[in-house]
Amino acid sequence: MTYFSYNAFLREYIAAMMMHKKFHLIAAGILCFPWIAAALLLLAALIIRLL
């Protein structure tokens, strides 16, 4: 019985993600932007230091 409940939960979760794809992409972009910006700044500093 547990197998089916986990399977149903995942199916419904993925369905909700697909129904609101634009919202989830925007939210993920907003949440991930600081980490991506920090990684790019650190990479630029490393490249400048190596030159």
N, C-alpha and C. Protein backbone atom coordinates (compact mmCIF):
# COMPACT_ATOMS: atom_id res chain seq x y z
N MET A 1 0.83 -1.20 0.00
CA MET A 1 0.00 0.00 0.00
C MET A 1 0.86 1.26 0.00
N THR A 2 1.98 1.22 0.70
CA THR A 2 2.85 2.39 0.78
C THR A 2 3.42 2.76 -0.58
N TYR A 3 3.75 1.75 -1.38
CA TYR A 3 4.31 2.01 -2.70
C TYR A 3 3.36 2.88 -3.52
N PHE A 4 2.08 2.55 -3.49
CA PHE A 4 1.12 3.29 -4.29
C PHE A 4 0.91 4.71 -3.78
N SER A 5 0.96 4.91 -2.47
CA SER A 5 0.76 6.26 -1.94
C SER A 5 1.93 7.17 -2.31
N TYR A 6 3.17 6.64 -2.25
CA TYR A 6 4.31 7.45 -2.69
C TYR A 6 4.23 7.73 -4.18
N ASN A 7 3.84 6.74 -4.94
CA ASN A 7 3.72 6.89 -6.38
C ASN A 7 2.67 7.96 -6.72
N ALA A 8 1.54 7.93 -6.04
CA ALA A 8 0.48 8.91 -6.28
C ALA A 8 0.94 10.30 -5.87
N PHE A 9 1.64 10.41 -4.75
CA PHE A 9 2.13 11.71 -4.31
C PHE A 9 3.08 12.30 -5.34
N LEU A 10 4.03 11.50 -5.82
CA LEU A 10 4.97 11.99 -6.82
C LEU A 10 4.26 12.37 -8.11
N ARG A 11 3.30 11.57 -8.53
CA ARG A 11 2.55 11.86 -9.75
C ARG A 11 1.81 13.18 -9.63
N GLU A 12 1.14 13.41 -8.51
CA GLU A 12 0.40 14.65 -8.31
C GLU A 12 1.34 15.85 -8.19
N TYR A 13 2.48 15.66 -7.52
CA TYR A 13 3.45 16.74 -7.38
C TYR A 13 3.99 17.14 -8.75
N ILE A 14 4.34 16.18 -9.57
CA ILE A 14 4.85 16.47 -10.91
C ILE A 14 3.76 17.12 -11.75
N ALA A 15 2.51 16.67 -11.60
CA ALA A 15 1.41 17.27 -12.34
C ALA A 15 1.23 18.74 -11.95
N ALA A 16 1.32 19.05 -10.67
CA ALA A 16 1.21 20.44 -10.23
C ALA A 16 2.36 21.27 -10.76
N MET A 17 3.56 20.69 -10.79
CA MET A 17 4.72 21.40 -11.34
C MET A 17 4.50 21.70 -12.82
N MET A 18 3.97 20.76 -13.56
CA MET A 18 3.78 20.94 -14.99
C MET A 18 2.64 21.92 -15.29
N MET A 19 1.62 21.95 -14.43
CA MET A 19 0.50 22.86 -14.65
C MET A 19 0.93 24.31 -14.44
N HIS A 20 1.85 24.54 -13.54
CA HIS A 20 2.29 25.89 -13.21
C HIS A 20 3.78 26.04 -13.53
N LYS A 21 4.17 25.61 -14.71
CA LYS A 21 5.58 25.57 -15.09
C LYS A 21 6.21 26.97 -15.09
N LYS A 22 5.51 27.94 -15.64
CA LYS A 22 6.06 29.30 -15.73
C LYS A 22 6.33 29.87 -14.33
N PHE A 23 5.38 29.71 -13.43
CA PHE A 23 5.56 30.20 -12.06
C PHE A 23 6.74 29.53 -11.38
N HIS A 24 6.86 28.21 -11.53
CA HIS A 24 7.95 27.50 -10.88
C HIS A 24 9.31 27.88 -11.47
N LEU A 25 9.37 28.12 -12.78
CA LEU A 25 10.64 28.55 -13.39
C LEU A 25 11.05 29.93 -12.89
N ILE A 26 10.08 30.84 -12.78
CA ILE A 26 10.38 32.18 -12.28
C ILE A 26 10.82 32.12 -10.81
N ALA A 27 10.11 31.35 -10.00
CA ALA A 27 10.47 31.22 -8.58
C ALA A 27 11.85 30.59 -8.42
N ALA A 28 12.14 29.56 -9.20
CA ALA A 28 13.46 28.92 -9.12
C ALA A 28 14.55 29.89 -9.56
N GLY A 29 14.27 30.68 -10.58
CA GLY A 29 15.25 31.67 -11.04
C GLY A 29 15.53 32.72 -9.97
N ILE A 30 14.49 33.19 -9.31
CA ILE A 30 14.67 34.20 -8.26
C ILE A 30 15.44 33.61 -7.08
N LEU A 31 15.12 32.38 -6.70
CA LEU A 31 15.79 31.76 -5.56
C LEU A 31 17.24 31.37 -5.87
N CYS A 32 17.53 31.01 -7.11
CA CYS A 32 18.87 30.55 -7.47
C CYS A 32 19.78 31.70 -7.91
N PHE A 33 19.23 32.86 -8.23
CA PHE A 33 20.04 33.96 -8.75
C PHE A 33 21.20 34.36 -7.83
N PRO A 34 21.00 34.51 -6.52
CA PRO A 34 22.14 34.90 -5.66
C PRO A 34 23.29 33.90 -5.70
N TRP A 35 22.97 32.61 -5.73
CA TRP A 35 24.03 31.60 -5.76
C TRP A 35 24.76 31.61 -7.10
N ILE A 36 24.02 31.78 -8.18
CA ILE A 36 24.65 31.82 -9.50
C ILE A 36 25.53 33.06 -9.62
N ALA A 37 25.04 34.21 -9.15
CA ALA A 37 25.82 35.44 -9.20
C ALA A 37 27.09 35.31 -8.36
N ALA A 38 26.98 34.74 -7.18
CA ALA A 38 28.15 34.57 -6.31
C ALA A 38 29.17 33.63 -6.95
N ALA A 39 28.70 32.56 -7.56
CA ALA A 39 29.61 31.62 -8.22
C ALA A 39 30.32 32.29 -9.38
N LEU A 40 29.62 33.10 -10.14
CA LEU A 40 30.26 33.80 -11.26
C LEU A 40 31.28 34.83 -10.78
N LEU A 41 30.96 35.53 -9.69
CA LEU A 41 31.92 36.48 -9.14
C LEU A 41 33.17 35.78 -8.62
N LEU A 42 32.99 34.66 -7.93
CA LEU A 42 34.15 33.91 -7.45
C LEU A 42 34.97 33.35 -8.60
N LEU A 43 34.31 32.89 -9.64
CA LEU A 43 35.02 32.39 -10.81
C LEU A 43 35.81 33.50 -11.49
N ALA A 44 35.21 34.68 -11.62
CA ALA A 44 35.91 35.81 -12.22
C ALA A 44 37.11 36.21 -11.38
N ALA A 45 36.97 36.22 -10.06
CA ALA A 45 38.08 36.57 -9.18
C ALA A 45 39.20 35.54 -9.30
N LEU A 46 38.85 34.28 -9.41
CA LEU A 46 39.85 33.23 -9.56
C LEU A 46 40.59 33.36 -10.88
N ILE A 47 39.87 33.64 -11.94
CA ILE A 47 40.50 33.80 -13.25
C ILE A 47 41.43 35.00 -13.26
N ILE A 48 40.99 36.11 -12.67
CA ILE A 48 41.84 37.31 -12.62
C ILE A 48 43.09 37.04 -11.80
N ARG A 49 42.95 36.31 -10.71
CA ARG A 49 44.10 36.00 -9.85
C ARG A 49 45.10 35.10 -10.57
N LEU A 50 44.61 34.19 -11.40
CA LEU A 50 45.49 33.28 -12.12
C LEU A 50 46.22 33.96 -13.28
N LEU A 51 45.67 35.05 -13.78
CA LEU A 51 46.31 35.75 -14.91
C LEU A 51 47.46 36.57 -14.49
